[in-house]
N, C-alpha and C. Protein backbone atom coordinates (compact mmCIF):
# COMPACT_ATOMS: atom_id res chain seq x y z
N MET A 1 159.29 99.06 172.93
CA MET A 1 159.20 98.10 171.86
C MET A 1 158.37 98.70 170.72
N LYS A 2 158.80 98.47 169.50
CA LYS A 2 158.08 99.01 168.34
C LYS A 2 156.95 98.08 167.93
N ILE A 3 155.76 98.64 167.79
CA ILE A 3 154.60 97.86 167.34
C ILE A 3 154.86 97.30 165.94
N SER A 4 155.59 98.06 165.12
CA SER A 4 155.87 97.62 163.74
C SER A 4 156.72 96.34 163.69
N ASP A 5 157.39 95.99 164.79
CA ASP A 5 158.20 94.77 164.85
C ASP A 5 157.36 93.53 165.13
N LEU A 6 156.10 93.72 165.52
CA LEU A 6 155.27 92.60 165.96
C LEU A 6 154.38 92.05 164.85
N LYS A 7 154.16 90.74 164.95
CA LYS A 7 153.24 90.05 164.05
C LYS A 7 152.34 89.14 164.88
N GLU A 8 151.20 88.76 164.31
CA GLU A 8 150.30 87.83 165.01
C GLU A 8 151.06 86.57 165.36
N GLY A 9 150.86 86.08 166.59
CA GLY A 9 151.51 84.85 167.06
C GLY A 9 152.80 85.09 167.82
N ASP A 10 153.34 86.33 167.78
CA ASP A 10 154.58 86.62 168.49
C ASP A 10 154.38 86.52 170.00
N VAL A 11 155.38 85.94 170.67
CA VAL A 11 155.36 85.83 172.13
C VAL A 11 156.04 87.07 172.70
N VAL A 12 155.33 87.77 173.59
CA VAL A 12 155.84 88.99 174.23
C VAL A 12 155.47 88.96 175.71
N LYS A 13 155.97 89.94 176.43
CA LYS A 13 155.61 90.13 177.83
C LYS A 13 154.82 91.43 177.91
N VAL A 14 153.72 91.41 178.67
CA VAL A 14 152.93 92.62 178.82
C VAL A 14 152.86 93.01 180.30
N LEU A 15 152.73 94.31 180.53
CA LEU A 15 152.52 94.83 181.87
C LEU A 15 151.03 95.09 182.00
N ASP A 16 150.36 94.24 182.78
CA ASP A 16 148.91 94.27 182.90
C ASP A 16 148.55 94.67 184.32
N GLU A 17 148.19 95.94 184.50
CA GLU A 17 147.84 96.47 185.82
C GLU A 17 148.91 96.15 186.87
N GLY A 18 150.18 96.38 186.49
CA GLY A 18 151.30 96.18 187.41
C GLY A 18 151.83 94.76 187.46
N VAL A 19 151.21 93.84 186.75
CA VAL A 19 151.65 92.44 186.75
C VAL A 19 152.22 92.10 185.38
N GLU A 20 153.44 91.50 185.36
CA GLU A 20 154.03 91.07 184.09
C GLU A 20 153.48 89.71 183.73
N ARG A 21 153.05 89.55 182.48
CA ARG A 21 152.53 88.27 181.98
C ARG A 21 153.08 88.01 180.59
N ASP A 22 153.36 86.74 180.30
CA ASP A 22 153.68 86.37 178.93
C ASP A 22 152.38 86.33 178.16
N GLY A 23 152.44 86.73 176.91
CA GLY A 23 151.24 86.72 176.08
C GLY A 23 151.60 86.48 174.63
N VAL A 24 150.55 86.35 173.81
CA VAL A 24 150.71 86.13 172.38
C VAL A 24 149.95 87.22 171.63
N VAL A 25 150.64 87.86 170.69
CA VAL A 25 150.02 88.91 169.88
C VAL A 25 148.93 88.28 169.01
N THR A 26 147.72 88.84 169.08
CA THR A 26 146.62 88.33 168.26
C THR A 26 146.26 89.29 167.12
N ASP A 27 146.66 90.57 167.25
CA ASP A 27 146.37 91.55 166.21
C ASP A 27 147.29 92.75 166.41
N VAL A 28 147.53 93.48 165.33
CA VAL A 28 148.38 94.68 165.39
C VAL A 28 147.64 95.80 164.66
N ASP A 29 147.53 96.96 165.32
CA ASP A 29 146.93 98.14 164.71
C ASP A 29 148.02 99.19 164.58
N ARG A 30 148.61 99.28 163.39
CA ARG A 30 149.73 100.19 163.17
C ARG A 30 149.29 101.66 163.25
N GLU A 31 148.06 101.95 162.82
CA GLU A 31 147.57 103.33 162.87
C GLU A 31 147.41 103.82 164.30
N GLU A 32 146.88 102.96 165.19
CA GLU A 32 146.69 103.32 166.60
C GLU A 32 147.95 103.05 167.42
N ASN A 33 148.96 102.39 166.79
CA ASN A 33 150.21 102.04 167.46
C ASN A 33 149.96 101.18 168.70
N GLN A 34 149.15 100.13 168.52
CA GLN A 34 148.83 99.21 169.61
C GLN A 34 148.86 97.79 169.09
N ALA A 35 149.05 96.85 170.03
CA ALA A 35 148.98 95.43 169.71
C ALA A 35 147.97 94.78 170.65
N CYS A 36 147.15 93.90 170.10
CA CYS A 36 146.22 93.12 170.91
C CYS A 36 146.95 91.86 171.33
N VAL A 37 147.00 91.62 172.65
CA VAL A 37 147.76 90.49 173.19
C VAL A 37 146.85 89.65 174.08
N ASP A 38 146.89 88.34 173.85
CA ASP A 38 146.21 87.39 174.74
C ASP A 38 147.18 87.11 175.88
N ASN A 39 146.85 87.63 177.06
CA ASN A 39 147.77 87.52 178.21
C ASN A 39 147.48 86.29 179.07
N GLY A 40 146.70 85.36 178.55
CA GLY A 40 146.39 84.15 179.29
C GLY A 40 145.09 84.25 180.06
N ILE A 41 144.61 85.48 180.26
CA ILE A 41 143.36 85.73 180.96
C ILE A 41 142.34 86.33 180.00
N GLN A 42 142.81 87.29 179.21
CA GLN A 42 141.94 87.95 178.24
C GLN A 42 142.78 88.56 177.13
N GLU A 43 142.12 88.95 176.04
CA GLU A 43 142.79 89.71 175.00
C GLU A 43 142.58 91.19 175.31
N PHE A 44 143.65 91.98 175.16
CA PHE A 44 143.57 93.39 175.49
C PHE A 44 144.54 94.15 174.59
N TRP A 45 144.20 95.39 174.26
CA TRP A 45 145.07 96.25 173.45
C TRP A 45 146.09 96.93 174.35
N TYR A 46 147.35 96.85 173.97
CA TYR A 46 148.44 97.44 174.74
C TYR A 46 149.22 98.44 173.89
N ASN A 47 149.73 99.47 174.56
CA ASN A 47 150.61 100.45 173.94
C ASN A 47 152.05 99.92 173.98
N PRO A 48 152.95 100.49 173.16
CA PRO A 48 154.34 100.01 173.15
C PRO A 48 155.00 100.01 174.53
N ALA A 49 154.70 100.99 175.37
CA ALA A 49 155.32 101.07 176.70
C ALA A 49 154.91 99.91 177.61
N GLU A 50 153.81 99.24 177.28
CA GLU A 50 153.30 98.15 178.11
C GLU A 50 153.73 96.78 177.59
N ILE A 51 154.50 96.76 176.50
CA ILE A 51 154.93 95.51 175.87
C ILE A 51 156.45 95.43 175.92
N ALA A 52 156.96 94.27 176.32
CA ALA A 52 158.41 94.06 176.38
C ALA A 52 158.77 92.76 175.66
N PRO A 53 159.96 92.71 175.06
CA PRO A 53 160.38 91.48 174.41
C PRO A 53 160.72 90.41 175.45
N VAL A 54 160.59 89.15 175.05
CA VAL A 54 160.90 88.02 175.92
C VAL A 54 162.27 87.48 175.51
N PRO A 55 163.24 87.47 176.44
CA PRO A 55 164.57 86.95 176.10
C PRO A 55 164.52 85.45 175.78
N MET A 56 165.41 85.04 174.91
CA MET A 56 165.52 83.64 174.57
C MET A 56 166.14 82.88 175.73
N SER A 57 165.67 81.66 175.96
CA SER A 57 166.27 80.78 176.95
C SER A 57 166.01 79.35 176.51
N GLU A 58 166.77 78.42 177.04
CA GLU A 58 166.56 77.01 176.71
C GLU A 58 165.13 76.58 177.04
N GLU A 59 164.65 76.97 178.21
CA GLU A 59 163.29 76.61 178.63
C GLU A 59 162.25 77.13 177.65
N ARG A 60 162.39 78.39 177.24
CA ARG A 60 161.39 78.97 176.32
C ARG A 60 161.47 78.34 174.93
N LEU A 61 162.69 78.06 174.47
CA LEU A 61 162.82 77.44 173.15
C LEU A 61 162.16 76.06 173.13
N VAL A 62 162.37 75.28 174.19
CA VAL A 62 161.85 73.91 174.23
C VAL A 62 160.37 73.88 174.61
N GLN A 63 160.01 74.55 175.72
CA GLN A 63 158.65 74.44 176.24
C GLN A 63 157.65 75.36 175.55
N VAL A 64 158.09 76.55 175.15
CA VAL A 64 157.16 77.52 174.56
C VAL A 64 157.07 77.37 173.04
N LEU A 65 158.24 77.16 172.38
CA LEU A 65 158.23 77.10 170.92
C LEU A 65 158.40 75.68 170.37
N GLY A 66 158.65 74.70 171.23
CA GLY A 66 158.65 73.31 170.80
C GLY A 66 159.90 72.82 170.09
N PHE A 67 161.05 73.44 170.36
CA PHE A 67 162.31 72.97 169.77
C PHE A 67 162.79 71.72 170.50
N GLU A 68 163.55 70.88 169.77
CA GLU A 68 164.26 69.76 170.39
C GLU A 68 165.68 70.21 170.64
N LYS A 69 166.22 69.86 171.82
CA LYS A 69 167.57 70.27 172.20
C LYS A 69 168.54 69.13 171.95
N GLU A 70 169.73 69.49 171.44
CA GLU A 70 170.79 68.51 171.24
C GLU A 70 172.12 69.16 171.60
N ASP A 71 172.87 68.54 172.53
CA ASP A 71 174.19 69.06 172.88
C ASP A 71 175.20 68.52 171.87
N THR A 72 176.02 69.43 171.31
CA THR A 72 177.03 69.05 170.32
C THR A 72 178.37 69.64 170.74
N GLU A 73 179.44 69.28 170.02
CA GLU A 73 180.76 69.84 170.32
C GLU A 73 180.81 71.33 170.04
N GLU A 74 179.99 71.81 169.08
CA GLU A 74 179.99 73.23 168.73
C GLU A 74 179.18 74.07 169.72
N GLY A 75 178.30 73.43 170.49
CA GLY A 75 177.44 74.14 171.42
C GLY A 75 176.11 73.42 171.54
N THR A 76 175.07 74.13 171.93
CA THR A 76 173.74 73.54 172.05
C THR A 76 172.94 73.86 170.79
N LYS A 77 172.43 72.79 170.16
CA LYS A 77 171.65 72.95 168.94
C LYS A 77 170.18 72.75 169.28
N PHE A 78 169.35 73.63 168.76
CA PHE A 78 167.90 73.52 168.91
C PHE A 78 167.32 73.28 167.51
N LYS A 79 166.46 72.26 167.40
CA LYS A 79 165.96 71.84 166.09
C LYS A 79 164.44 71.87 166.07
N LYS A 80 163.92 72.33 164.95
CA LYS A 80 162.48 72.26 164.71
C LYS A 80 162.31 72.06 163.21
N GLY A 81 161.94 70.84 162.82
CA GLY A 81 161.91 70.51 161.41
C GLY A 81 163.31 70.66 160.84
N ALA A 82 163.43 71.32 159.69
CA ALA A 82 164.74 71.54 159.06
C ALA A 82 165.40 72.83 159.56
N PHE A 83 164.76 73.55 160.45
CA PHE A 83 165.28 74.81 160.99
C PHE A 83 166.19 74.50 162.18
N ARG A 84 167.36 75.15 162.22
CA ARG A 84 168.33 74.92 163.29
C ARG A 84 168.77 76.24 163.91
N LEU A 85 169.06 76.17 165.21
CA LEU A 85 169.59 77.30 165.95
C LEU A 85 170.73 76.75 166.78
N LEU A 86 171.93 77.31 166.65
CA LEU A 86 173.09 76.84 167.40
C LEU A 86 173.53 77.93 168.35
N VAL A 87 173.53 77.60 169.65
CA VAL A 87 174.03 78.51 170.69
C VAL A 87 175.44 78.02 171.01
N LYS A 88 176.44 78.79 170.58
CA LYS A 88 177.83 78.35 170.70
C LYS A 88 178.32 78.29 172.13
N ASP A 89 177.82 79.18 172.97
CA ASP A 89 178.17 79.21 174.38
C ASP A 89 176.88 78.97 175.15
N PRO A 90 176.58 77.70 175.50
CA PRO A 90 175.28 77.38 176.11
C PRO A 90 174.92 78.32 177.27
N GLY A 91 173.71 78.83 177.22
CA GLY A 91 173.25 79.76 178.24
C GLY A 91 173.47 81.22 177.85
N ASN A 92 174.34 81.46 176.86
CA ASN A 92 174.64 82.81 176.41
C ASN A 92 174.07 82.98 175.01
N TYR A 93 172.96 83.69 174.91
CA TYR A 93 172.24 83.81 173.65
C TYR A 93 172.66 85.06 172.86
N THR A 94 173.96 85.40 172.91
CA THR A 94 174.45 86.56 172.17
C THR A 94 175.34 86.14 171.00
N ASN A 95 175.61 84.87 170.80
CA ASN A 95 176.44 84.39 169.70
C ASN A 95 175.76 83.15 169.15
N ILE A 96 174.87 83.35 168.17
CA ILE A 96 174.09 82.22 167.66
C ILE A 96 174.09 82.17 166.14
N ASP A 97 173.92 80.96 165.64
CA ASP A 97 173.76 80.74 164.21
C ASP A 97 172.36 80.19 163.98
N LEU A 98 171.71 80.67 162.93
CA LEU A 98 170.42 80.14 162.49
C LEU A 98 170.62 79.62 161.08
N TRP A 99 169.99 78.52 160.76
CA TRP A 99 169.98 78.11 159.37
C TRP A 99 168.77 77.27 159.04
N TYR A 100 168.39 77.40 157.77
CA TYR A 100 167.29 76.63 157.20
C TYR A 100 167.69 76.36 155.76
N ARG A 101 167.94 75.09 155.45
CA ARG A 101 168.45 74.71 154.13
C ARG A 101 169.72 75.49 153.83
N GLU A 102 169.78 76.25 152.72
CA GLU A 102 171.02 76.96 152.42
C GLU A 102 171.06 78.39 152.97
N ASP A 103 170.04 78.81 153.70
CA ASP A 103 169.99 80.14 154.30
C ASP A 103 170.63 80.08 155.69
N HIS A 104 171.86 80.61 155.80
CA HIS A 104 172.59 80.63 157.08
C HIS A 104 172.72 82.07 157.56
N ARG A 105 172.48 82.29 158.84
CA ARG A 105 172.59 83.64 159.41
C ARG A 105 173.30 83.55 160.76
N HIS A 106 174.16 84.54 161.04
CA HIS A 106 174.88 84.60 162.31
C HIS A 106 174.50 85.89 163.04
N PHE A 107 174.33 85.79 164.34
CA PHE A 107 174.01 86.95 165.17
C PHE A 107 174.97 87.00 166.35
N ASN A 108 175.52 88.17 166.62
CA ASN A 108 176.40 88.32 167.78
C ASN A 108 175.81 89.32 168.76
N HIS A 109 174.49 89.32 168.84
CA HIS A 109 173.76 90.13 169.81
C HIS A 109 172.52 89.34 170.21
N PRO A 110 171.92 89.66 171.34
CA PRO A 110 170.74 88.90 171.77
C PRO A 110 169.58 89.04 170.78
N ILE A 111 168.87 87.94 170.59
CA ILE A 111 167.66 87.94 169.77
C ILE A 111 166.52 87.55 170.70
N TYR A 112 165.44 88.29 170.64
CA TYR A 112 164.28 87.99 171.48
C TYR A 112 163.37 86.99 170.78
N LEU A 113 162.47 86.37 171.55
CA LEU A 113 161.59 85.34 170.99
C LEU A 113 160.81 85.84 169.78
N HIS A 114 160.22 87.03 169.86
CA HIS A 114 159.44 87.51 168.71
C HIS A 114 160.32 87.71 167.48
N GLU A 115 161.58 88.10 167.69
CA GLU A 115 162.50 88.26 166.56
C GLU A 115 162.84 86.90 165.94
N LEU A 116 163.05 85.90 166.79
CA LEU A 116 163.29 84.54 166.29
C LEU A 116 162.08 84.05 165.51
N GLN A 117 160.88 84.31 166.03
CA GLN A 117 159.66 83.90 165.33
C GLN A 117 159.58 84.58 163.96
N ASN A 118 159.92 85.85 163.87
CA ASN A 118 159.85 86.57 162.61
C ASN A 118 160.94 86.11 161.64
N LEU A 119 162.14 85.80 162.16
CA LEU A 119 163.21 85.26 161.31
C LEU A 119 162.81 83.89 160.78
N HIS A 120 162.22 83.06 161.63
CA HIS A 120 161.77 81.72 161.21
C HIS A 120 160.75 81.86 160.07
N LEU A 121 159.82 82.80 160.21
CA LEU A 121 158.82 83.02 159.16
C LEU A 121 159.48 83.48 157.86
N GLN A 122 160.44 84.41 157.95
CA GLN A 122 161.16 84.88 156.76
C GLN A 122 161.87 83.73 156.06
N MET A 123 162.54 82.89 156.84
CA MET A 123 163.39 81.85 156.29
C MET A 123 162.61 80.63 155.80
N THR A 124 161.54 80.25 156.50
CA THR A 124 160.83 79.01 156.18
C THR A 124 159.47 79.24 155.54
N LYS A 125 158.96 80.47 155.65
CA LYS A 125 157.61 80.83 155.20
C LYS A 125 156.53 80.16 156.05
N VAL A 126 156.92 79.64 157.22
CA VAL A 126 155.99 78.97 158.13
C VAL A 126 156.06 79.68 159.49
N PRO A 127 154.91 80.04 160.09
CA PRO A 127 154.95 80.69 161.41
C PRO A 127 155.51 79.75 162.48
N LEU A 128 156.28 80.31 163.39
CA LEU A 128 156.80 79.57 164.55
C LEU A 128 155.90 79.95 165.72
N GLU A 129 154.96 79.08 166.04
CA GLU A 129 153.94 79.42 167.03
C GLU A 129 154.22 78.77 168.37
N ARG A 130 153.66 79.38 169.38
CA ARG A 130 153.73 78.86 170.74
C ARG A 130 153.04 77.50 170.80
N VAL A 131 153.67 76.52 171.46
CA VAL A 131 153.10 75.18 171.50
C VAL A 131 152.26 74.91 172.74
N THR A 132 152.52 75.66 173.81
CA THR A 132 151.74 75.46 175.03
C THR A 132 151.29 76.79 175.58
N ALA A 133 150.17 76.80 176.23
CA ALA A 133 149.69 78.03 176.89
C ALA A 133 150.03 77.93 178.36
N HIS A 134 150.73 78.93 178.87
CA HIS A 134 151.10 78.93 180.31
C HIS A 134 150.16 79.83 181.06
């Protein structure tokens, strides 16, 4: 995973002494090529090899990022404010539409949680933060 892809608040998975944990990026040091991640126990600096992206799932969208789910004829829609995410084939996060006001984007490849958070920030100018700590 590239450190340059990460921003504060991004949800990632870290390998902490052989144990995988979900965490939240608290700082990024581009010169040292490390990210500081709160892994639920402590904040620690990790190298790119110790950080992995978190795949999108219904559970993570609703419980981790606070989206509301709505089943529609087009697929499963996830809503947060005026921001929308449509999963055309429920459970398959490789064909999705994102939109916020008149900004519409289509993706036909998997998007990870941190990428969704960064797209949300680009489109709305508001960070998409984790709502619960696990």
